[in-house]
Full PDB file with SEQRES, HELIX, SHEET, SSBOND, CRYST1, ORIGX, SCALE, CONECT and MASTER records, all heavy atoms in Angstrom:
SEQRES   1 A   45  GLU ASN LEU MET PHE ALA ASN GLY ALA SER GLU ILE PHE          
SEQRES   2 A   45  LYS LEU ALA VAL ASP ALA ILE LYS PRO HIS LYS ALA LEU          
SEQRES   3 A   45  VAL THR ALA PRO SER PHE SER GLY TYR SER HIS VAL LEU          
SEQRES   4 A   45  LYS GLY ALA GLY ALA GLY                                      
HELIX    1 AA1 ALA A    9  ILE A   20  1                                  12    
HELIX    2 AA2 SER A   33  GLY A   41  1                                   9    
CRYST1    1.000    1.000    1.000  90.00  90.00  90.00 P 1           1          
ORIGX1      1.000000  0.000000  0.000000        0.00000                         
ORIGX2      0.000000  1.000000  0.000000        0.00000                         
ORIGX3      0.000000  0.000000  1.000000        0.00000                         
SCALE1      1.000000  0.000000  0.000000        0.00000                         
SCALE2      0.000000  1.000000  0.000000        0.00000                         
SCALE3      0.000000  0.000000  1.000000        0.00000                         
ATOM      1  N   GLU A   1     147.298 213.789 -60.890  1.00  0.00           N  
ATOM      2  CA  GLU A   1     146.134 213.056 -61.346  1.00  0.00           C  
ATOM      3  C   GLU A   1     144.879 213.183 -60.544  1.00  0.00           C  
ATOM      4  O   GLU A   1     143.771 212.817 -60.987  1.00  0.00           O  
ATOM      5  CB  GLU A   1     146.463 211.684 -61.731  1.00  0.00           C  
ATOM      6  CG  GLU A   1     146.839 210.806 -60.534  1.00  0.00           C  
ATOM      7  CD  GLU A   1     148.358 210.788 -60.373  1.00  0.00           C  
ATOM      8  OE1 GLU A   1     149.116 211.675 -60.819  1.00  0.00           O  
ATOM      9  OE2 GLU A   1     148.764 209.690 -59.707  1.00  0.00           O  
ATOM     10  N   ASN A   2     145.026 213.640 -59.303  1.00  0.00           N  
ATOM     11  CA  ASN A   2     143.961 213.751 -58.363  1.00  0.00           C  
ATOM     12  C   ASN A   2     143.324 215.270 -58.269  1.00  0.00           C  
ATOM     13  O   ASN A   2     142.546 215.510 -57.438  1.00  0.00           O  
ATOM     14  CB  ASN A   2     144.278 213.274 -56.926  1.00  0.00           C  
ATOM     15  CG  ASN A   2     144.661 211.841 -56.879  1.00  0.00           C  
ATOM     16  OD1 ASN A   2     145.698 211.396 -56.366  1.00  0.00           O  
ATOM     17  ND2 ASN A   2     143.818 210.977 -57.432  1.00  0.00           N  
ATOM     18  N   LEU A   3     143.828 216.063 -59.218  1.00  0.00           N  
ATOM     19  CA  LEU A   3     143.497 217.584 -59.185  1.00  0.00           C  
ATOM     20  C   LEU A   3     142.792 217.911 -60.401  1.00  0.00           C  
ATOM     21  O   LEU A   3     143.073 217.418 -61.400  1.00  0.00           O  
ATOM     22  CB  LEU A   3     144.769 218.373 -59.016  1.00  0.00           C  
ATOM     23  CG  LEU A   3     145.568 218.340 -57.791  1.00  0.00           C  
ATOM     24  CD1 LEU A   3     146.937 219.051 -57.965  1.00  0.00           C  
ATOM     25  CD2 LEU A   3     144.887 218.873 -56.540  1.00  0.00           C  
ATOM     26  N   MET A   4     141.757 218.925 -60.185  1.00  0.00           N  
ATOM     27  CA  MET A   4     141.170 219.461 -61.365  1.00  0.00           C  
ATOM     28  C   MET A   4     140.938 221.000 -60.997  1.00  0.00           C  
ATOM     29  O   MET A   4     140.827 221.287 -59.823  1.00  0.00           O  
ATOM     30  CB  MET A   4     139.974 218.739 -61.806  1.00  0.00           C  
ATOM     31  CG  MET A   4     138.768 219.021 -60.808  1.00  0.00           C  
ATOM     32  SD  MET A   4     137.254 218.454 -61.696  1.00  0.00           S  
ATOM     33  CE  MET A   4     136.987 219.599 -63.051  1.00  0.00           C  
ATOM     34  N   PHE A   5     140.827 221.782 -61.988  1.00  0.00           N  
ATOM     35  CA  PHE A   5     140.686 223.171 -61.811  1.00  0.00           C  
ATOM     36  C   PHE A   5     139.528 223.743 -62.522  1.00  0.00           C  
ATOM     37  O   PHE A   5     139.043 223.134 -63.562  1.00  0.00           O  
ATOM     38  CB  PHE A   5     142.026 223.957 -62.369  1.00  0.00           C  
ATOM     39  CG  PHE A   5     143.268 223.525 -61.590  1.00  0.00           C  
ATOM     40  CD1 PHE A   5     143.989 222.299 -61.918  1.00  0.00           C  
ATOM     41  CD2 PHE A   5     143.608 224.223 -60.396  1.00  0.00           C  
ATOM     42  CE1 PHE A   5     145.028 221.865 -61.194  1.00  0.00           C  
ATOM     43  CE2 PHE A   5     144.762 223.861 -59.775  1.00  0.00           C  
ATOM     44  CZ  PHE A   5     145.455 222.536 -60.136  1.00  0.00           C  
ATOM     45  N   ALA A   6     138.953 224.791 -61.905  1.00  0.00           N  
ATOM     46  CA  ALA A   6     137.714 225.368 -62.494  1.00  0.00           C  
ATOM     47  C   ALA A   6     137.616 226.803 -62.177  1.00  0.00           C  
ATOM     48  O   ALA A   6     138.517 227.468 -61.514  1.00  0.00           O  
ATOM     49  CB  ALA A   6     136.498 224.650 -61.812  1.00  0.00           C  
ATOM     50  N   ASN A   7     136.548 227.399 -62.640  1.00  0.00           N  
ATOM     51  CA  ASN A   7     136.195 228.798 -62.657  1.00  0.00           C  
ATOM     52  C   ASN A   7     135.731 229.161 -61.158  1.00  0.00           C  
ATOM     53  O   ASN A   7     134.446 229.394 -61.010  1.00  0.00           O  
ATOM     54  CB  ASN A   7     135.159 229.209 -63.693  1.00  0.00           C  
ATOM     55  CG  ASN A   7     134.907 230.729 -63.675  1.00  0.00           C  
ATOM     56  OD1 ASN A   7     134.056 231.239 -63.108  1.00  0.00           O  
ATOM     57  ND2 ASN A   7     135.714 231.394 -64.501  1.00  0.00           N  
ATOM     58  N   GLY A   8     136.497 229.052 -60.192  1.00  0.00           N  
ATOM     59  CA  GLY A   8     136.092 229.208 -58.768  1.00  0.00           C  
ATOM     60  C   GLY A   8     135.602 227.948 -58.158  1.00  0.00           C  
ATOM     61  O   GLY A   8     135.265 226.985 -58.802  1.00  0.00           O  
ATOM     62  N   ALA A   9     135.532 227.955 -56.783  1.00  0.00           N  
ATOM     63  CA  ALA A   9     134.914 226.821 -56.162  1.00  0.00           C  
ATOM     64  C   ALA A   9     133.456 226.490 -56.438  1.00  0.00           C  
ATOM     65  O   ALA A   9     133.039 225.361 -56.504  1.00  0.00           O  
ATOM     66  CB  ALA A   9     135.032 226.977 -54.488  1.00  0.00           C  
ATOM     67  N   SER A  10     132.783 227.577 -56.812  1.00  0.00           N  
ATOM     68  CA  SER A  10     131.321 227.334 -57.147  1.00  0.00           C  
ATOM     69  C   SER A  10     131.223 226.436 -58.408  1.00  0.00           C  
ATOM     70  O   SER A  10     130.187 225.582 -58.333  1.00  0.00           O  
ATOM     71  CB  SER A  10     130.637 228.725 -57.488  1.00  0.00           C  
ATOM     72  OG  SER A  10     130.588 229.536 -56.283  1.00  0.00           O  
ATOM     73  N   GLU A  11     132.032 226.433 -59.335  1.00  0.00           N  
ATOM     74  CA  GLU A  11     131.961 225.634 -60.491  1.00  0.00           C  
ATOM     75  C   GLU A  11     132.259 224.169 -60.049  1.00  0.00           C  
ATOM     76  O   GLU A  11     131.632 223.230 -60.576  1.00  0.00           O  
ATOM     77  CB  GLU A  11     132.852 226.050 -61.694  1.00  0.00           C  
ATOM     78  CG  GLU A  11     132.623 225.170 -62.967  1.00  0.00           C  
ATOM     79  CD  GLU A  11     133.589 225.606 -63.938  1.00  0.00           C  
ATOM     80  OE1 GLU A  11     134.699 225.828 -63.837  1.00  0.00           O  
ATOM     81  OE2 GLU A  11     132.960 225.676 -65.170  1.00  0.00           O  
ATOM     82  N   ILE A  12     133.147 223.984 -59.229  1.00  0.00           N  
ATOM     83  CA  ILE A  12     133.561 222.667 -58.584  1.00  0.00           C  
ATOM     84  C   ILE A  12     132.288 222.002 -58.096  1.00  0.00           C  
ATOM     85  O   ILE A  12     131.953 220.918 -58.336  1.00  0.00           O  
ATOM     86  CB  ILE A  12     134.776 222.729 -57.626  1.00  0.00           C  
ATOM     87  CG1 ILE A  12     135.975 223.167 -58.265  1.00  0.00           C  
ATOM     88  CG2 ILE A  12     134.780 221.332 -57.039  1.00  0.00           C  
ATOM     89  CD1 ILE A  12     136.612 222.197 -59.173  1.00  0.00           C  
ATOM     90  N   PHE A  13     131.597 222.766 -57.129  1.00  0.00           N  
ATOM     91  CA  PHE A  13     130.362 222.269 -56.469  1.00  0.00           C  
ATOM     92  C   PHE A  13     129.353 221.800 -57.509  1.00  0.00           C  
ATOM     93  O   PHE A  13     128.721 220.782 -57.369  1.00  0.00           O  
ATOM     94  CB  PHE A  13     129.781 223.368 -55.580  1.00  0.00           C  
ATOM     95  CG  PHE A  13     130.586 223.813 -54.518  1.00  0.00           C  
ATOM     96  CD1 PHE A  13     130.684 225.136 -54.121  1.00  0.00           C  
ATOM     97  CD2 PHE A  13     131.242 222.946 -53.651  1.00  0.00           C  
ATOM     98  CE1 PHE A  13     131.595 225.516 -53.081  1.00  0.00           C  
ATOM     99  CE2 PHE A  13     132.190 223.251 -52.591  1.00  0.00           C  
ATOM    100  CZ  PHE A  13     132.284 224.685 -52.284  1.00  0.00           C  
ATOM    101  N   LYS A  14     129.254 222.681 -58.500  1.00  0.00           N  
ATOM    102  CA  LYS A  14     128.220 222.301 -59.591  1.00  0.00           C  
ATOM    103  C   LYS A  14     128.580 221.074 -60.341  1.00  0.00           C  
ATOM    104  O   LYS A  14     127.834 220.136 -60.537  1.00  0.00           O  
ATOM    105  CB  LYS A  14     127.954 223.493 -60.572  1.00  0.00           C  
ATOM    106  CG  LYS A  14     127.032 223.142 -61.692  1.00  0.00           C  
ATOM    107  CD  LYS A  14     126.614 224.336 -62.522  1.00  0.00           C  
ATOM    108  CE  LYS A  14     125.848 223.945 -63.759  1.00  0.00           C  
ATOM    109  NZ  LYS A  14     124.728 223.024 -63.373  1.00  0.00           N  
ATOM    110  N   LEU A  15     129.920 221.033 -60.742  1.00  0.00           N  
ATOM    111  CA  LEU A  15     130.389 219.872 -61.447  1.00  0.00           C  
ATOM    112  C   LEU A  15     130.170 218.582 -60.665  1.00  0.00           C  
ATOM    113  O   LEU A  15     129.786 217.414 -61.182  1.00  0.00           O  
ATOM    114  CB  LEU A  15     131.846 220.054 -61.883  1.00  0.00           C  
ATOM    115  CG  LEU A  15     132.066 221.130 -62.956  1.00  0.00           C  
ATOM    116  CD1 LEU A  15     133.502 221.320 -63.053  1.00  0.00           C  
ATOM    117  CD2 LEU A  15     131.428 220.776 -64.220  1.00  0.00           C  
ATOM    118  N   ALA A  16     130.438 218.689 -59.407  1.00  0.00           N  
ATOM    119  CA  ALA A  16     130.280 217.411 -58.402  1.00  0.00           C  
ATOM    120  C   ALA A  16     128.864 217.010 -58.391  1.00  0.00           C  
ATOM    121  O   ALA A  16     128.599 215.780 -58.536  1.00  0.00           O  
ATOM    122  CB  ALA A  16     130.900 217.794 -57.084  1.00  0.00           C  
ATOM    123  N   VAL A  17     127.985 217.987 -58.185  1.00  0.00           N  
ATOM    124  CA  VAL A  17     126.606 217.555 -58.086  1.00  0.00           C  
ATOM    125  C   VAL A  17     126.085 216.972 -59.424  1.00  0.00           C  
ATOM    126  O   VAL A  17     125.354 216.010 -59.498  1.00  0.00           O  
ATOM    127  CB  VAL A  17     125.774 218.859 -57.704  1.00  0.00           C  
ATOM    128  CG1 VAL A  17     124.323 218.525 -57.903  1.00  0.00           C  
ATOM    129  CG2 VAL A  17     126.057 219.183 -56.265  1.00  0.00           C  
ATOM    130  N   ASP A  18     126.483 217.676 -60.540  1.00  0.00           N  
ATOM    131  CA  ASP A  18     126.109 217.191 -61.892  1.00  0.00           C  
ATOM    132  C   ASP A  18     126.506 215.788 -62.240  1.00  0.00           C  
ATOM    133  O   ASP A  18     125.874 214.963 -62.927  1.00  0.00           O  
ATOM    134  CB  ASP A  18     126.512 218.159 -63.006  1.00  0.00           C  
ATOM    135  CG  ASP A  18     125.657 219.398 -62.918  1.00  0.00           C  
ATOM    136  OD1 ASP A  18     124.698 219.516 -62.253  1.00  0.00           O  
ATOM    137  OD2 ASP A  18     126.126 220.505 -63.515  1.00  0.00           O  
ATOM    138  N   ALA A  19     127.765 215.518 -61.713  1.00  0.00           N  
ATOM    139  CA  ALA A  19     128.381 214.257 -61.929  1.00  0.00           C  
ATOM    140  C   ALA A  19     127.681 213.111 -61.155  1.00  0.00           C  
ATOM    141  O   ALA A  19     127.556 212.048 -61.551  1.00  0.00           O  
ATOM    142  CB  ALA A  19     129.899 214.229 -61.819  1.00  0.00           C  
ATOM    143  N   ILE A  20     127.451 213.383 -59.822  1.00  0.00           N  
ATOM    144  CA  ILE A  20     126.999 212.458 -58.960  1.00  0.00           C  
ATOM    145  C   ILE A  20     125.408 212.221 -59.042  1.00  0.00           C  
ATOM    146  O   ILE A  20     124.867 211.196 -58.889  1.00  0.00           O  
ATOM    147  CB  ILE A  20     127.389 212.883 -57.481  1.00  0.00           C  
ATOM    148  CG1 ILE A  20     128.920 212.758 -57.346  1.00  0.00           C  
ATOM    149  CG2 ILE A  20     126.562 212.010 -56.456  1.00  0.00           C  
ATOM    150  CD1 ILE A  20     129.406 213.394 -56.013  1.00  0.00           C  
ATOM    151  N   LYS A  21     124.718 213.331 -59.350  1.00  0.00           N  
ATOM    152  CA  LYS A  21     123.272 213.372 -59.608  1.00  0.00           C  
ATOM    153  C   LYS A  21     122.672 212.804 -58.284  1.00  0.00           C  
ATOM    154  O   LYS A  21     121.887 211.781 -58.233  1.00  0.00           O  
ATOM    155  CB  LYS A  21     122.941 212.485 -60.724  1.00  0.00           C  
ATOM    156  CG  LYS A  21     123.254 213.134 -62.099  1.00  0.00           C  
ATOM    157  CD  LYS A  21     122.763 212.235 -63.175  1.00  0.00           C  
ATOM    158  CE  LYS A  21     123.007 212.793 -64.570  1.00  0.00           C  
ATOM    159  NZ  LYS A  21     124.426 213.152 -64.768  1.00  0.00           N  
ATOM    160  N   PRO A  22     122.797 213.483 -57.117  1.00  0.00           N  
ATOM    161  CA  PRO A  22     122.247 212.980 -55.794  1.00  0.00           C  
ATOM    162  C   PRO A  22     120.759 213.278 -55.880  1.00  0.00           C  
ATOM    163  O   PRO A  22     120.202 214.133 -56.382  1.00  0.00           O  
ATOM    164  CB  PRO A  22     122.891 213.940 -54.791  1.00  0.00           C  
ATOM    165  CG  PRO A  22     123.282 215.126 -55.574  1.00  0.00           C  
ATOM    166  CD  PRO A  22     123.623 214.741 -56.924  1.00  0.00           C  
ATOM    167  N   HIS A  23     120.129 212.328 -55.200  1.00  0.00           N  
ATOM    168  CA  HIS A  23     118.540 212.356 -55.021  1.00  0.00           C  
ATOM    169  C   HIS A  23     118.354 213.099 -53.624  1.00  0.00           C  
ATOM    170  O   HIS A  23     117.355 213.895 -53.562  1.00  0.00           O  
ATOM    171  CB  HIS A  23     117.975 210.919 -54.762  1.00  0.00           C  
ATOM    172  CG  HIS A  23     118.110 210.160 -56.055  1.00  0.00           C  
ATOM    173  ND1 HIS A  23     117.272 210.460 -57.204  1.00  0.00           N  
ATOM    174  CD2 HIS A  23     118.837 209.040 -56.392  1.00  0.00           C  
ATOM    175  CE1 HIS A  23     117.665 209.658 -58.092  1.00  0.00           C  
ATOM    176  NE2 HIS A  23     118.462 208.698 -57.669  1.00  0.00           N  
ATOM    177  N   LYS A  24     119.266 213.061 -52.746  1.00  0.00           N  
ATOM    178  CA  LYS A  24     119.110 213.785 -51.518  1.00  0.00           C  
ATOM    179  C   LYS A  24     120.475 214.152 -50.904  1.00  0.00           C  
ATOM    180  O   LYS A  24     121.400 213.267 -50.954  1.00  0.00           O  
ATOM    181  CB  LYS A  24     118.301 212.867 -50.525  1.00  0.00           C  
ATOM    182  CG  LYS A  24     117.918 213.614 -49.218  1.00  0.00           C  
ATOM    183  CD  LYS A  24     117.191 212.604 -48.171  1.00  0.00           C  
ATOM    184  CE  LYS A  24     115.838 212.101 -48.802  1.00  0.00           C  
ATOM    185  NZ  LYS A  24     115.218 211.241 -47.679  1.00  0.00           N  
ATOM    186  N   ALA A  25     120.608 215.271 -50.363  1.00  0.00           N  
ATOM    187  CA  ALA A  25     121.868 215.740 -49.796  1.00  0.00           C  
ATOM    188  C   ALA A  25     121.607 216.311 -48.384  1.00  0.00           C  
ATOM    189  O   ALA A  25     120.525 216.904 -48.123  1.00  0.00           O  
ATOM    190  CB  ALA A  25     122.569 216.744 -50.619  1.00  0.00           C  
ATOM    191  N   LEU A  26     122.607 216.205 -47.508  1.00  0.00           N  
ATOM    192  CA  LEU A  26     122.693 216.881 -46.254  1.00  0.00           C  
ATOM    193  C   LEU A  26     123.556 218.029 -46.340  1.00  0.00           C  
ATOM    194  O   LEU A  26     124.706 218.047 -46.738  1.00  0.00           O  
ATOM    195  CB  LEU A  26     123.104 215.947 -45.139  1.00  0.00           C  
ATOM    196  CG  LEU A  26     123.092 216.552 -43.689  1.00  0.00           C  
ATOM    197  CD1 LEU A  26     121.599 216.656 -43.209  1.00  0.00           C  
ATOM    198  CD2 LEU A  26     123.842 215.625 -42.834  1.00  0.00           C  
ATOM    199  N   VAL A  27     123.022 219.302 -45.881  1.00  0.00           N  
ATOM    200  CA  VAL A  27     123.869 220.515 -45.763  1.00  0.00           C  
ATOM    201  C   VAL A  27     123.736 221.172 -44.459  1.00  0.00           C  
ATOM    202  O   VAL A  27     122.627 221.073 -43.906  1.00  0.00           O  
ATOM    203  CB  VAL A  27     123.306 221.505 -46.841  1.00  0.00           C  
ATOM    204  CG1 VAL A  27     123.985 222.866 -46.677  1.00  0.00           C  
ATOM    205  CG2 VAL A  27     123.412 220.892 -48.300  1.00  0.00           C  
ATOM    206  N   THR A  28     124.860 221.475 -43.882  1.00  0.00           N  
ATOM    207  CA  THR A  28     124.742 222.207 -42.535  1.00  0.00           C  
ATOM    208  C   THR A  28     124.254 223.583 -42.656  1.00  0.00           C  
ATOM    209  O   THR A  28     124.374 224.316 -43.704  1.00  0.00           O  
ATOM    210  CB  THR A  28     126.149 222.368 -41.853  1.00  0.00           C  
ATOM    211  OG1 THR A  28     126.988 222.997 -42.663  1.00  0.00           O  
ATOM    212  CG2 THR A  28     126.686 220.887 -41.607  1.00  0.00           C  
ATOM    213  N   ALA A  29     123.552 224.059 -41.598  1.00  0.00           N  
ATOM    214  CA  ALA A  29     123.055 225.456 -41.637  1.00  0.00           C  
ATOM    215  C   ALA A  29     123.266 226.113 -40.328  1.00  0.00           C  
ATOM    216  O   ALA A  29     122.981 225.464 -39.289  1.00  0.00           O  
ATOM    217  CB  ALA A  29     121.521 225.317 -41.893  1.00  0.00           C  
ATOM    218  N   PRO A  30     123.797 227.285 -40.260  1.00  0.00           N  
ATOM    219  CA  PRO A  30     124.079 228.031 -41.557  1.00  0.00           C  
ATOM    220  C   PRO A  30     125.419 227.609 -42.236  1.00  0.00           C  
ATOM    221  O   PRO A  30     126.310 227.169 -41.589  1.00  0.00           O  
ATOM    222  CB  PRO A  30     124.268 229.481 -40.968  1.00  0.00           C  
ATOM    223  CG  PRO A  30     124.768 229.258 -39.695  1.00  0.00           C  
ATOM    224  CD  PRO A  30     124.163 228.095 -39.081  1.00  0.00           C  
ATOM    225  N   SER A  31     125.406 227.765 -43.513  1.00  0.00           N  
ATOM    226  CA  SER A  31     126.747 227.505 -44.251  1.00  0.00           C  
ATOM    227  C   SER A  31     126.510 228.111 -45.670  1.00  0.00           C  
ATOM    228  O   SER A  31     125.467 228.739 -45.934  1.00  0.00           O  
ATOM    229  CB  SER A  31     127.003 226.043 -44.370  1.00  0.00           C  
ATOM    230  OG  SER A  31     126.074 225.267 -45.210  1.00  0.00           O  
ATOM    231  N   PHE A  32     127.479 228.007 -46.448  1.00  0.00           N  
ATOM    232  CA  PHE A  32     127.583 228.691 -47.761  1.00  0.00           C  
ATOM    233  C   PHE A  32     126.280 228.371 -48.691  1.00  0.00           C  
ATOM    234  O   PHE A  32     126.039 227.112 -48.836  1.00  0.00           O  
ATOM    235  CB  PHE A  32     128.880 228.339 -48.510  1.00  0.00           C  
ATOM    236  CG  PHE A  32     128.975 228.846 -49.870  1.00  0.00           C  
ATOM    237  CD1 PHE A  32     128.867 230.243 -50.180  1.00  0.00           C  
ATOM    238  CD2 PHE A  32     129.404 228.123 -51.049  1.00  0.00           C  
ATOM    239  CE1 PHE A  32     129.062 230.750 -51.498  1.00  0.00           C  
ATOM    240  CE2 PHE A  32     129.553 228.630 -52.222  1.00  0.00           C  
ATOM    241  CZ  PHE A  32     129.328 229.952 -52.463  1.00  0.00           C  
ATOM    242  N   SER A  33     125.754 229.340 -49.170  1.00  0.00           N  
ATOM    243  CA  SER A  33     124.358 229.047 -49.855  1.00  0.00           C  
ATOM    244  C   SER A  33     124.718 228.464 -51.232  1.00  0.00           C  
ATOM    245  O   SER A  33     123.697 227.919 -51.838  1.00  0.00           O  
ATOM    246  CB  SER A  33     123.668 230.413 -50.087  1.00  0.00           C  
ATOM    247  OG  SER A  33     124.471 231.302 -50.930  1.00  0.00           O  
ATOM    248  N   GLY A  34     125.902 228.441 -51.739  1.00  0.00           N  
ATOM    249  CA  GLY A  34     126.209 227.824 -52.968  1.00  0.00           C  
ATOM    250  C   GLY A  34     125.932 226.267 -53.090  1.00  0.00           C  
ATOM    251  O   GLY A  34     125.648 225.811 -54.171  1.00  0.00           O  
ATOM    252  N   TYR A  35     126.003 225.723 -52.002  1.00  0.00           N  
ATOM    253  CA  TYR A  35     125.741 224.148 -51.916  1.00  0.00           C  
ATOM    254  C   TYR A  35     124.240 224.076 -52.313  1.00  0.00           C  
ATOM    255  O   TYR A  35     123.891 223.197 -53.248  1.00  0.00           O  
ATOM    256  CB  TYR A  35     125.967 223.574 -50.559  1.00  0.00           C  
ATOM    257  CG  TYR A  35     127.207 223.954 -49.893  1.00  0.00           C  
ATOM    258  CD1 TYR A  35     127.413 224.144 -48.554  1.00  0.00           C  
ATOM    259  CD2 TYR A  35     128.424 224.174 -50.614  1.00  0.00           C  
ATOM    260  CE1 TYR A  35     128.526 224.446 -47.854  1.00  0.00           C  
ATOM    261  CE2 TYR A  35     129.667 224.453 -50.089  1.00  0.00           C  
ATOM    262  CZ  TYR A  35     129.701 224.593 -48.645  1.00  0.00           C  
ATOM    263  OH  TYR A  35     130.851 224.981 -47.933  1.00  0.00           O  
ATOM    264  N   SER A  36     123.319 224.707 -51.540  1.00  0.00           N  
ATOM    265  CA  SER A  36     121.902 224.529 -51.893  1.00  0.00           C  
ATOM    266  C   SER A  36     121.605 225.125 -53.251  1.00  0.00           C  
ATOM    267  O   SER A  36     120.716 224.546 -53.911  1.00  0.00           O  
ATOM    268  CB  SER A  36     121.139 225.272 -50.720  1.00  0.00           C  
ATOM    269  OG  SER A  36     121.397 224.817 -49.497  1.00  0.00           O  
ATOM    270  N   HIS A  37     122.306 226.065 -53.669  1.00  0.00           N  
ATOM    271  CA  HIS A  37     122.004 226.565 -55.054  1.00  0.00           C  
ATOM    272  C   HIS A  37     122.178 225.491 -56.097  1.00  0.00           C  
ATOM    273  O   HIS A  37     121.284 225.329 -56.934  1.00  0.00           O  
ATOM    274  CB  HIS A  37     123.019 227.789 -55.215  1.00  0.00           C  
ATOM    275  CG  HIS A  37     122.755 228.389 -56.700  1.00  0.00           C  
ATOM    276  ND1 HIS A  37     121.746 229.212 -56.931  1.00  0.00           N  
ATOM    277  CD2 HIS A  37     123.583 228.337 -57.780  1.00  0.00           C  
ATOM    278  CE1 HIS A  37     121.863 229.627 -58.294  1.00  0.00           C  
ATOM    279  NE2 HIS A  37     122.945 229.027 -58.687  1.00  0.00           N  
ATOM    280  N   VAL A  38     123.281 224.907 -56.012  1.00  0.00           N  
ATOM    281  CA  VAL A  38     123.587 223.916 -57.127  1.00  0.00           C  
ATOM    282  C   VAL A  38     122.687 222.636 -56.971  1.00  0.00           C  
ATOM    283  O   VAL A  38     122.349 221.905 -57.900  1.00  0.00           O  
ATOM    284  CB  VAL A  38     125.011 223.429 -57.283  1.00  0.00           C  
ATOM    285  CG1 VAL A  38     125.940 224.680 -57.633  1.00  0.00           C  
ATOM    286  CG2 VAL A  38     125.614 223.030 -55.875  1.00  0.00           C  
ATOM    287  N   LEU A  39     122.365 222.289 -55.710  1.00  0.00           N  
ATOM    288  CA  LEU A  39     121.619 221.103 -55.423  1.00  0.00           C  
ATOM    289  C   LEU A  39     120.103 221.309 -55.947  1.00  0.00           C  
ATOM    290  O   LEU A  39     119.544 220.401 -56.563  1.00  0.00           O  
ATOM    291  CB  LEU A  39     121.616 220.789 -53.906  1.00  0.00           C  
ATOM    292  CG  LEU A  39     122.915 220.169 -53.417  1.00  0.00           C  
ATOM    293  CD1 LEU A  39     122.875 220.135 -51.852  1.00  0.00           C  
ATOM    294  CD2 LEU A  39     122.952 218.732 -53.860  1.00  0.00           C  
ATOM    295  N   LYS A  40     119.634 222.536 -55.640  1.00  0.00           N  
ATOM    296  CA  LYS A  40     118.320 222.870 -56.141  1.00  0.00           C  
ATOM    297  C   LYS A  40     118.170 222.855 -57.684  1.00  0.00           C  
ATOM    298  O   LYS A  40     117.263 222.435 -58.322  1.00  0.00           O  
ATOM    299  CB  LYS A  40     117.833 224.276 -55.535  1.00  0.00           C  
ATOM    300  CG  LYS A  40     117.542 224.185 -54.109  1.00  0.00           C  
ATOM    301  CD  LYS A  40     117.234 225.662 -53.525  1.00  0.00           C  
ATOM    302  CE  LYS A  40     117.038 225.579 -52.049  1.00  0.00           C  
ATOM    303  NZ  LYS A  40     116.652 226.996 -51.524  1.00  0.00           N  
ATOM    304  N   GLY A  41     119.311 223.405 -58.187  1.00  0.00           N  
ATOM    305  CA  GLY A  41     119.405 223.463 -59.719  1.00  0.00           C  
ATOM    306  C   GLY A  41     119.390 221.995 -60.296  1.00  0.00           C  
ATOM    307  O   GLY A  41     118.909 221.847 -61.397  1.00  0.00           O  
ATOM    308  N   ALA A  42     119.956 221.026 -59.611  1.00  0.00           N  
ATOM    309  CA  ALA A  42     119.882 219.588 -60.147  1.00  0.00           C  
ATOM    310  C   ALA A  42     118.651 218.794 -59.634  1.00  0.00           C  
ATOM    311  O   ALA A  42     118.529 217.635 -60.091  1.00  0.00           O  
ATOM    312  CB  ALA A  42     121.149 218.969 -59.559  1.00  0.00           C  
ATOM    313  N   GLY A  43     117.775 219.479 -59.031  1.00  0.00           N  
ATOM    314  CA  GLY A  43     116.636 218.804 -58.532  1.00  0.00           C  
ATOM    315  C   GLY A  43     116.761 217.810 -57.438  1.00  0.00           C  
ATOM    316  O   GLY A  43     115.816 216.915 -57.160  1.00  0.00           O  
ATOM    317  N   ALA A  44     117.818 218.085 -56.637  1.00  0.00           N  
ATOM    318  CA  ALA A  44     118.066 217.150 -55.436  1.00  0.00           C  
ATOM    319  C   ALA A  44     117.227 217.628 -54.204  1.00  0.00           C  
ATOM    320  O   ALA A  44     117.083 218.852 -54.032  1.00  0.00           O  
ATOM    321  CB  ALA A  44     119.532 217.150 -55.239  1.00  0.00           C  
ATOM    322  N   GLY A  45     116.879 216.628 -53.379  1.00  0.00           N  
ATOM    323  CA  GLY A  45     116.273 217.040 -52.198  1.00  0.00           C  
ATOM    324  C   GLY A  45     117.330 217.534 -51.258  1.00  0.00           C  
ATOM    325  O   GLY A  45     118.394 216.983 -51.270  1.00  0.00           O  
TER     326      GLY A  45                                                      
MASTER        0    0    0    2    0    0    0    6  325    1    0    4          
END                                                                             
């Protein structure tokens, strides 16, 4: 009941951001660009 599956990890990142709707997020740099990609798409700082 604590698991869910998706079309790759990238879809999980997007679903998490879309569900939480963050105003601001902290991302380490350098790191996977997919985090910033979905955050920018959601309008998060």
